[in-house]
Amino acid sequence: MKKKILIFIFFIFQLTSQSAYLLIKMDESQSNHLKSYGIAFYSLQKELDVKWLLNYLGGSFLIEYDKKTEQECIIRGVNYQIIANNSAEKILTQISSNEVNQEVIKLEKTPKIAIYSPKNNQPWDDAVTLALSYAEIPYDVIYDEEVMSNLLPVYDWLHLHHEDFTGQYGKFYSIYKNAKWYRDQKKEFEKLAKKLGFQKVSKQKLAVAKKIREFVAGGGFLFAMCSATDSYDIALSAESTDICEHMFDGDPVNNDAQENLDFSNTFAFTNFKIIKNPNQYEFSDIDMTSIRKIKPELDFFTLFDFSAKWDPIPTMLCQNHTKVVKGFMGQTTSFNKELIKSNVVIMGETKAANEARYIHGKYGNGTWTFYGGHDPEDYQHRVGDPKTDLSLHPNSPGYRLILNNILFPAAKKKKQKT
């Protein structure tokens, strides 16, 4: 009996000594895709070897074996396998073949993450904040004072919360001008603008937008959703003109505002027409919300396929267990493809509507990504609606795209192939 126990212990020892990696599959077999990103982040914090296997079983993770990390997988409900060195080598060899559209990306650093968001409560929730909290990934909340104090270079990755950079308070005037939250928010924004030395909120928001542009040019990673996408570019284009009506900034819009827009200042969009009407819940013709004719049950967008070995960045950002993602609306739902600059990479589109949903580009030494819509698991999230419970959507493809962007700054930069 004692001999059998010793043999069993020896067998377990041998198995453990050869089991050098945790393989977290990200295909349909994964029980919790969203918390899997948190495990990868946790492993980076522990300075473990983490590899992102692009296009391998949905963008799986291969992580140096660590007992505590294994325990975290169990606690968080993440499916995993323990595999030996030789099994891991076989997977890496298979991926390295030019015959397959796959690639190994080494994750080298723990990204320092910031959410640009007002410190006071808002009558809506932010999908990125929900995703980070659910995946157990730490982040800081910063706003205009921190940005204007030049704190952005402290961070690797910045998300723009549902925001209006044009100084028009979200174009909520027509519906919510008498709502307490709207009046309070307007007072707070005006107070903050004066504190920072600006007479108008629009001028202060422009200064913030330019600081963010400097952050990206210096190598930062920017991610924005919903109205933060188009309002950001519109604010940059309107640097030398006034596009705000008197109820927003105390004086009328410039008559020649449209003609004075400078599209060379923008990241993503060009030749767009601004909407001056303060009672219209729209900033410009970039957004397709008001003209798209798609029934909710038929609203989907398709992710593009990219070469993992030649185009690892868009490949990384599109990792998923499906190429077809449920559509969802927002103040800015989608982007008019005819108004997107030619150097921008479209990563997801609804072809029937000629609209882009997910786009990416470079600026200076950094990159930006714009994602249309407000909440990937709430088709038409309205002001005052309760926040989404992500424990009910642990395998959300739409939320996976957000978390791809969060891990992106951790990746080792590869030299471009020639």
Protein backbone atom coordinates (compact mmCIF):
# COMPACT_ATOMS: atom_id res chain seq x y z
CA MET A 1 0.00 0.00 0.00
CA LYS A 2 2.83 2.39 0.92
CA LYS A 3 4.52 1.59 -2.39
CA LYS A 4 1.37 2.47 -4.33
CA ILE A 5 1.09 5.81 -2.53
CA LEU A 6 4.71 6.64 -3.35
CA ILE A 7 4.16 5.74 -6.99
CA PHE A 8 1.04 7.95 -7.08
CA ILE A 9 2.91 10.89 -5.47
CA PHE A 10 5.77 10.44 -7.96
CA PHE A 11 3.28 10.40 -10.85
CA ILE A 12 1.64 13.63 -9.65
CA PHE A 13 5.08 15.24 -9.19
CA GLN A 14 6.09 14.28 -12.72
CA LEU A 15 2.86 15.62 -14.17
CA THR A 16 3.16 18.94 -12.30
CA SER A 17 6.82 19.38 -13.19
CA GLN A 18 5.99 18.96 -16.88
CA SER A 19 2.88 21.16 -16.75
CA ALA A 20 4.50 24.49 -17.43
CA TYR A 21 1.65 26.50 -18.93
CA LEU A 22 -1.97 27.45 -18.46
CA LEU A 23 -3.86 27.44 -21.76
CA ILE A 24 -6.96 29.63 -21.64
CA LYS A 25 -8.98 28.88 -24.74
CA MET A 26 -11.10 31.74 -26.07
CA ASP A 27 -13.36 29.84 -28.45
CA GLU A 28 -16.93 28.71 -27.76
CA SER A 29 -15.68 26.32 -25.07
CA GLN A 30 -14.75 29.20 -22.73
CA SER A 31 -17.21 29.69 -19.86
CA ASN A 32 -16.24 33.32 -19.17
CA HIS A 33 -14.48 35.21 -21.94
CA LEU A 34 -14.57 38.57 -20.17
CA LYS A 35 -12.91 37.42 -16.94
CA SER A 36 -10.27 35.60 -19.03
CA TYR A 37 -8.86 39.01 -19.95
CA GLY A 38 -8.65 39.77 -16.25
CA ILE A 39 -6.60 36.60 -15.75
CA ALA A 40 -4.18 37.70 -18.48
CA PHE A 41 -3.90 41.13 -16.82
CA TYR A 42 -3.42 39.53 -13.39
CA SER A 43 -0.62 37.37 -14.80
CA LEU A 44 1.12 40.42 -16.24
CA GLN A 45 0.95 42.06 -12.82
CA LYS A 46 2.73 38.99 -11.42
CA GLU A 47 5.38 39.32 -14.17
CA LEU A 48 4.54 35.92 -15.62
CA ASP A 49 5.18 35.04 -19.25
CA VAL A 50 1.94 35.74 -21.17
CA LYS A 51 1.42 35.02 -24.86
CA TRP A 52 -1.63 36.04 -26.87
CA LEU A 53 -2.28 33.43 -29.56
CA LEU A 54 -3.94 35.43 -32.32
CA ASN A 55 -6.63 33.52 -34.25
CA TYR A 56 -5.84 30.34 -32.29
CA LEU A 57 -9.12 29.10 -30.80
CA GLY A 58 -10.62 32.58 -30.69
CA GLY A 59 -7.49 34.41 -29.51
CA SER A 60 -6.37 32.20 -26.64
CA PHE A 61 -3.85 32.97 -23.89
CA LEU A 62 -0.81 30.85 -23.03
CA ILE A 63 0.41 31.75 -19.54
CA GLU A 64 3.41 30.52 -17.57
CA TYR A 65 2.12 28.11 -14.94
CA ASP A 66 1.57 29.61 -11.51
CA LYS A 67 -0.47 28.04 -8.73
CA LYS A 68 -2.07 31.30 -7.64
CA THR A 69 -3.07 32.11 -11.21
CA GLU A 70 -4.67 28.69 -11.49
CA GLN A 71 -6.59 29.39 -8.29
CA GLU A 72 -7.73 32.73 -9.71
CA CYS A 73 -9.06 30.92 -12.80
CA ILE A 74 -11.10 28.66 -10.52
CA ILE A 75 -12.37 31.55 -8.37
CA ARG A 76 -13.34 33.65 -11.39
CA GLY A 77 -14.96 30.80 -13.30
CA VAL A 78 -12.49 30.79 -16.20
CA ASN A 79 -11.91 27.52 -18.07
CA TYR A 80 -8.28 26.51 -18.47
CA GLN A 81 -5.98 23.59 -19.21
CA ILE A 82 -2.60 22.77 -17.70
CA ILE A 83 -0.27 21.70 -20.48
CA ALA A 84 3.35 20.55 -20.50
CA ASN A 85 6.27 22.32 -22.14
CA ASN A 86 6.31 20.03 -25.16
CA SER A 87 2.57 20.58 -25.77
CA ALA A 88 3.05 24.34 -25.60
CA GLU A 89 5.97 24.12 -28.04
CA LYS A 90 3.83 22.16 -30.48
CA ILE A 91 1.15 24.86 -30.38
CA LEU A 92 3.73 27.63 -30.92
CA THR A 93 5.34 25.72 -33.79
CA GLN A 94 1.95 25.18 -35.40
CA ILE A 95 1.11 28.89 -35.12
CA SER A 96 4.47 29.92 -36.60
CA SER A 97 3.72 28.13 -39.87
CA ASN A 98 3.09 30.42 -42.84
CA GLU A 99 0.26 28.08 -43.81
CA VAL A 100 -1.99 29.36 -41.00
CA ASN A 101 -3.35 32.86 -40.33
CA GLN A 102 -2.17 32.89 -36.72
CA GLU A 103 0.52 34.65 -34.72
CA VAL A 104 2.07 34.68 -31.24
CA ILE A 105 2.12 38.07 -29.52
CA LYS A 106 4.10 38.35 -26.29
CA LEU A 107 2.46 40.59 -23.70
CA GLU A 108 5.26 42.39 -21.91
CA LYS A 109 3.91 45.09 -19.62
CA THR A 110 0.94 45.87 -17.43
CA PRO A 111 -0.83 48.82 -19.06
CA LYS A 112 -1.68 51.75 -16.80
CA ILE A 113 -5.29 52.58 -17.58
CA ALA A 114 -7.26 55.83 -17.25
CA ILE A 115 -10.94 56.51 -17.77
CA TYR A 116 -11.74 60.10 -18.74
CA SER A 117 -15.00 60.70 -16.92
CA PRO A 118 -16.66 63.36 -14.70
CA LYS A 119 -16.23 62.68 -10.98
CA ASN A 120 -19.92 63.37 -10.24
CA ASN A 121 -22.64 60.79 -10.94
CA GLN A 122 -23.95 60.62 -14.50
CA PRO A 123 -27.45 59.46 -15.53
CA TRP A 124 -25.93 56.75 -17.72
CA ASP A 125 -23.28 54.06 -17.41
CA ASP A 126 -20.11 53.50 -19.37
CA ALA A 127 -19.47 50.15 -21.07
CA VAL A 128 -15.69 50.30 -20.63
CA THR A 129 -15.95 50.96 -16.90
CA LEU A 130 -18.40 48.04 -16.61
CA ALA A 131 -16.02 45.78 -18.57
CA LEU A 132 -12.98 46.70 -16.49
CA SER A 133 -14.83 46.25 -13.20
CA TYR A 134 -16.27 42.89 -14.22
CA ALA A 135 -12.92 41.62 -15.55
CA GLU A 136 -11.24 42.86 -12.32
CA ILE A 137 -8.78 45.09 -14.16
CA PRO A 138 -7.68 48.20 -12.18
CA TYR A 139 -8.03 51.72 -13.57
CA ASP A 140 -7.95 55.38 -12.53
CA VAL A 141 -10.66 57.96 -13.21
CA ILE A 142 -9.34 61.29 -14.44
CA TYR A 143 -10.99 64.38 -15.89
CA ASP A 144 -10.23 67.85 -17.16
CA GLU A 145 -8.14 69.06 -14.24
CA GLU A 146 -5.80 66.06 -14.48
CA VAL A 147 -5.57 66.36 -18.26
CA MET A 148 -4.77 70.08 -18.11
CA SER A 149 -2.21 69.36 -15.37
CA ASN A 150 -0.32 67.20 -17.90
CA LEU A 151 -0.92 63.90 -16.10
CA LEU A 152 -1.81 61.95 -19.26
CA PRO A 153 1.77 60.75 -19.95
CA VAL A 154 1.57 58.76 -16.70
CA TYR A 155 -0.86 56.42 -18.48
CA ASP A 156 -0.56 54.00 -21.39
CA TRP A 157 -4.23 53.77 -22.33
CA LEU A 158 -7.06 56.31 -22.15
CA HIS A 159 -10.77 55.76 -22.63
CA LEU A 160 -13.12 58.65 -23.34
CA HIS A 161 -16.34 58.12 -21.40
CA HIS A 162 -19.64 59.16 -23.02
CA GLU A 163 -18.61 62.77 -23.62
CA ASP A 164 -19.32 65.88 -25.71
CA PHE A 165 -16.11 67.72 -26.59
CA THR A 166 -17.96 70.42 -28.58
CA GLY A 167 -19.32 72.22 -25.48
CA GLN A 168 -22.98 71.59 -26.41
CA TYR A 169 -23.72 69.45 -23.34
CA GLY A 170 -24.49 66.35 -25.36
CA LYS A 171 -27.12 68.11 -27.50
CA PHE A 172 -29.61 67.14 -24.75
CA TYR A 173 -31.08 70.67 -24.66
CA SER A 174 -34.40 69.96 -26.35
CA ILE A 175 -35.37 66.99 -24.16
CA TYR A 176 -33.58 67.58 -20.85
CA LYS A 177 -33.08 71.37 -20.51
CA ASN A 178 -35.40 71.41 -17.48
CA ALA A 179 -34.06 68.24 -15.88
CA LYS A 180 -32.16 68.77 -12.65
CA TRP A 181 -29.22 66.58 -13.71
CA TYR A 182 -28.81 68.60 -16.93
CA ARG A 183 -28.91 71.98 -15.16
CA ASP A 184 -26.53 70.79 -12.46
CA GLN A 185 -24.12 69.36 -15.03
CA LYS A 186 -24.11 72.60 -17.04
CA LYS A 187 -23.31 74.61 -13.89
CA GLU A 188 -20.50 72.22 -12.93
CA PHE A 189 -18.96 72.36 -16.40
CA GLU A 190 -19.10 76.16 -16.50
CA LYS A 191 -17.59 76.38 -13.02
CA LEU A 192 -14.76 74.01 -14.00
CA ALA A 193 -14.05 75.92 -17.22
CA LYS A 194 -13.65 79.19 -15.30
CA LYS A 195 -11.46 77.48 -12.70
CA LEU A 196 -9.17 76.32 -15.51
CA GLY A 197 -9.05 79.82 -17.01
CA PHE A 198 -11.57 79.56 -19.87
CA GLN A 199 -14.62 81.75 -20.52
CA LYS A 200 -16.45 79.03 -22.41
CA VAL A 201 -16.89 75.31 -21.87
CA SER A 202 -16.34 74.77 -25.61
CA LYS A 203 -12.90 76.41 -25.43
CA GLN A 204 -11.96 74.40 -22.36
CA LYS A 205 -13.07 71.12 -23.98
CA LEU A 206 -11.07 72.00 -27.09
CA ALA A 207 -7.96 72.49 -24.94
CA VAL A 208 -8.57 69.07 -23.37
CA ALA A 209 -9.04 67.49 -26.81
CA LYS A 210 -5.72 68.94 -27.94
CA LYS A 211 -3.98 67.58 -24.83
CA ILE A 212 -5.40 64.16 -25.64
CA ARG A 213 -4.12 64.48 -29.20
CA GLU A 214 -0.65 65.22 -27.79
CA PHE A 215 -0.95 62.10 -25.62
CA VAL A 216 -1.65 59.97 -28.68
CA ALA A 217 1.12 61.62 -30.72
CA GLY A 218 3.55 60.80 -27.92
CA GLY A 219 2.72 57.08 -28.05
CA GLY A 220 -0.52 56.80 -26.08
CA PHE A 221 -3.42 54.49 -26.86
CA LEU A 222 -6.84 56.14 -27.14
CA PHE A 223 -10.19 54.33 -27.13
CA ALA A 224 -13.57 56.03 -27.44
CA MET A 225 -17.20 54.97 -27.78
CA CYS A 226 -20.55 56.58 -28.58
CA SER A 227 -20.58 60.41 -28.72
CA ALA A 228 -16.97 60.72 -27.57
CA THR A 229 -15.91 59.56 -31.05
CA ASP A 230 -17.43 62.08 -33.44
CA SER A 231 -17.70 64.96 -30.95
CA TYR A 232 -13.94 64.66 -30.38
CA ASP A 233 -13.11 65.07 -34.07
CA ILE A 234 -15.73 67.80 -34.51
CA ALA A 235 -14.21 69.80 -31.64
CA LEU A 236 -10.73 69.56 -33.19
CA SER A 237 -12.04 70.64 -36.60
CA ALA A 238 -13.79 73.69 -35.07
CA GLU A 239 -10.70 75.12 -33.39
CA SER A 240 -10.97 78.45 -35.23
CA THR A 241 -14.74 78.89 -35.23
CA ASP A 242 -17.81 78.85 -32.96
CA ILE A 243 -20.32 76.03 -33.56
CA CYS A 244 -22.30 76.52 -30.30
CA GLU A 245 -25.64 78.33 -30.14
CA HIS A 246 -26.35 80.94 -27.42
CA MET A 247 -28.03 78.52 -24.94
CA PHE A 248 -24.71 76.66 -24.74
CA ASP A 249 -22.13 79.46 -24.59
CA GLY A 250 -24.01 82.78 -24.42
CA ASP A 251 -23.52 83.90 -28.03
CA PRO A 252 -24.69 82.69 -31.47
CA VAL A 253 -22.95 80.22 -33.72
CA ASN A 254 -20.72 81.71 -36.43
CA ASN A 255 -22.55 82.02 -39.74
CA ASP A 256 -19.56 80.62 -41.60
CA ALA A 257 -18.80 77.87 -39.06
CA GLN A 258 -19.13 75.06 -41.59
CA GLU A 259 -16.73 76.72 -44.06
CA ASN A 260 -14.16 77.28 -41.29
CA LEU A 261 -13.91 73.66 -40.18
CA ASP A 262 -10.35 72.32 -40.54
CA PHE A 263 -10.46 68.58 -41.29
CA SER A 264 -6.67 68.29 -41.17
CA ASN A 265 -6.97 68.48 -37.37
CA THR A 266 -9.10 65.34 -37.05
CA PHE A 267 -8.21 61.69 -36.48
CA ALA A 268 -10.92 59.79 -38.35
CA PHE A 269 -13.46 61.92 -40.21
CA THR A 270 -13.44 64.45 -43.04
CA ASN A 271 -15.83 66.58 -45.10
CA PHE A 272 -18.65 66.17 -42.60
CA LYS A 273 -21.47 68.68 -42.12
CA ILE A 274 -22.15 69.93 -38.60
CA ILE A 275 -25.75 70.19 -37.35
CA LYS A 276 -26.25 73.64 -35.84
CA ASN A 277 -29.86 73.18 -34.69
CA PRO A 278 -29.67 73.05 -30.84
CA ASN A 279 -32.95 71.12 -30.70
CA GLN A 280 -31.66 68.29 -32.88
CA TYR A 281 -30.09 65.42 -30.94
CA GLU A 282 -27.17 65.05 -33.34
CA PHE A 283 -23.76 66.66 -33.87
CA SER A 284 -23.16 66.06 -37.59
CA ASP A 285 -23.80 63.72 -40.49
CA ILE A 286 -20.97 61.41 -39.35
CA ASP A 287 -23.39 59.40 -37.23
CA MET A 288 -25.91 57.14 -38.99
CA THR A 289 -28.38 56.74 -36.08
CA SER A 290 -31.24 58.80 -37.49
CA ILE A 291 -31.08 57.45 -41.06
CA ARG A 292 -30.32 53.75 -40.58
CA LYS A 293 -33.28 51.49 -41.39
CA ILE A 294 -32.45 48.21 -39.65
CA LYS A 295 -34.77 46.20 -37.43
CA PRO A 296 -33.22 45.38 -34.03
CA GLU A 297 -33.47 41.65 -34.64
CA LEU A 298 -31.53 42.04 -37.90
CA ASP A 299 -28.95 44.50 -36.57
CA PHE A 300 -25.51 42.88 -36.72
CA PHE A 301 -22.06 43.93 -37.83
CA THR A 302 -19.23 41.83 -39.22
CA LEU A 303 -15.59 41.91 -38.13
CA PHE A 304 -12.98 41.94 -40.87
CA ASP A 305 -10.30 39.28 -41.27
CA PHE A 306 -6.71 40.53 -41.21
CA SER A 307 -3.37 38.80 -41.69
CA ALA A 308 -2.14 37.92 -38.19
CA LYS A 309 1.49 37.87 -39.34
CA TRP A 310 1.40 41.00 -41.50
CA ASP A 311 -1.27 43.06 -39.72
CA PRO A 312 -1.07 42.01 -36.05
CA ILE A 313 -2.61 45.21 -34.65
CA PRO A 314 -6.07 45.03 -36.30
CA THR A 315 -5.95 41.26 -35.86
CA MET A 316 -5.40 41.74 -32.14
CA LEU A 317 -8.24 44.24 -31.86
CA CYS A 318 -10.68 41.90 -33.64
CA GLN A 319 -10.02 38.72 -31.62
CA ASN A 320 -13.32 36.99 -30.94
CA HIS A 321 -15.14 33.68 -30.92
CA THR A 322 -17.43 34.97 -33.69
CA LYS A 323 -17.10 37.31 -36.64
CA VAL A 324 -20.72 38.46 -36.43
CA VAL A 325 -21.55 40.76 -33.50
CA LYS A 326 -24.95 42.02 -32.35
CA GLY A 327 -25.50 45.68 -33.14
CA PHE A 328 -26.34 48.21 -30.43
CA MET A 329 -27.29 51.86 -30.52
CA GLY A 330 -26.02 55.03 -28.90
CA GLN A 331 -26.11 58.76 -29.45
CA THR A 332 -23.44 57.90 -32.01
CA THR A 333 -24.29 54.41 -33.27
CA SER A 334 -22.19 54.06 -36.41
CA PHE A 335 -20.08 56.03 -38.85
CA ASN A 336 -20.84 57.11 -42.41
CA LYS A 337 -18.17 55.30 -44.44
CA GLU A 338 -18.09 58.11 -47.01
CA LEU A 339 -16.80 60.53 -44.33
CA ILE A 340 -13.97 58.31 -43.00
CA LYS A 341 -10.43 59.29 -43.99
CA SER A 342 -8.69 57.00 -46.47
CA ASN A 343 -5.88 56.06 -44.06
CA VAL A 344 -8.30 54.75 -41.42
CA VAL A 345 -8.66 50.97 -40.96
CA ILE A 346 -12.29 49.81 -40.88
CA MET A 347 -12.43 46.71 -38.66
CA GLY A 348 -16.18 46.15 -38.41
CA GLU A 349 -19.07 47.19 -40.65
CA THR A 350 -22.74 46.75 -41.38
CA LYS A 351 -22.37 46.42 -45.12
CA ALA A 352 -26.08 46.67 -45.97
CA ALA A 353 -26.23 50.13 -44.36
CA ASN A 354 -22.83 51.26 -45.68
CA GLU A 355 -21.77 52.08 -42.14
CA ALA A 356 -18.64 51.37 -40.11
CA ARG A 357 -18.96 50.30 -36.47
CA TYR A 358 -15.35 49.80 -35.39
CA ILE A 359 -12.40 51.79 -36.78
CA HIS A 360 -8.73 52.30 -35.98
CA GLY A 361 -5.85 54.54 -36.94
CA LYS A 362 -2.42 55.87 -36.09
CA TYR A 363 -1.46 59.37 -35.04
CA GLY A 364 2.18 60.20 -34.41
CA ASN A 365 3.65 57.42 -32.27
CA GLY A 366 0.29 56.31 -30.88
CA THR A 367 -3.02 54.87 -32.00
CA TRP A 368 -6.73 55.50 -31.57
CA THR A 369 -9.79 53.25 -31.87
CA PHE A 370 -13.41 54.39 -32.21
CA TYR A 371 -16.30 52.01 -31.47
CA GLY A 372 -19.87 53.07 -32.30
CA GLY A 373 -22.73 52.54 -29.86
CA HIS A 374 -23.18 52.86 -26.10
CA ASP A 375 -23.57 49.39 -24.53
CA PRO A 376 -22.95 46.12 -26.44
CA GLU A 377 -25.53 44.23 -24.37
CA ASP A 378 -28.27 46.89 -24.16
CA TYR A 379 -29.61 47.58 -27.63
CA GLN A 380 -30.97 51.05 -26.91
CA HIS A 381 -29.61 52.24 -23.58
CA ARG A 382 -31.49 55.38 -22.54
CA VAL A 383 -30.72 58.09 -20.00
CA GLY A 384 -31.60 56.76 -16.55
CA ASP A 385 -31.67 53.08 -17.55
CA PRO A 386 -30.12 50.64 -15.04
CA LYS A 387 -26.57 49.49 -15.73
CA THR A 388 -25.95 46.20 -17.51
CA ASP A 389 -25.14 43.21 -15.30
CA LEU A 390 -22.21 41.58 -17.08
CA SER A 391 -22.52 38.41 -15.02
CA LEU A 392 -25.47 37.74 -17.34
CA HIS A 393 -23.25 38.25 -20.42
CA PRO A 394 -19.84 36.66 -19.61
CA ASN A 395 -19.28 35.67 -23.24
CA SER A 396 -20.33 38.93 -24.90
CA PRO A 397 -18.56 39.35 -28.29
CA GLY A 398 -19.29 43.10 -28.21
CA TYR A 399 -17.62 43.54 -24.83
CA ARG A 400 -14.67 41.38 -25.95
CA LEU A 401 -13.75 44.07 -28.47
CA ILE A 402 -13.42 46.58 -25.61
CA LEU A 403 -11.15 44.24 -23.65
CA ASN A 404 -9.00 43.56 -26.74
CA ASN A 405 -8.20 47.26 -26.74
CA ILE A 406 -7.29 47.22 -23.06
CA LEU A 407 -4.71 44.45 -23.54
CA PHE A 408 -3.37 45.93 -26.77
CA PRO A 409 -0.83 48.28 -25.07
CA ALA A 410 0.68 45.27 -23.28
CA ALA A 411 1.85 43.76 -26.57
CA LYS A 412 5.45 43.76 -27.66
CA LYS A 413 5.79 46.03 -30.65
CA LYS A 414 6.81 44.07 -33.72
CA LYS A 415 8.85 45.43 -36.58
CA GLN A 416 6.82 45.89 -39.74
CA LYS A 417 7.59 43.31 -42.39
CA THR A 418 8.86 44.60 -45.73
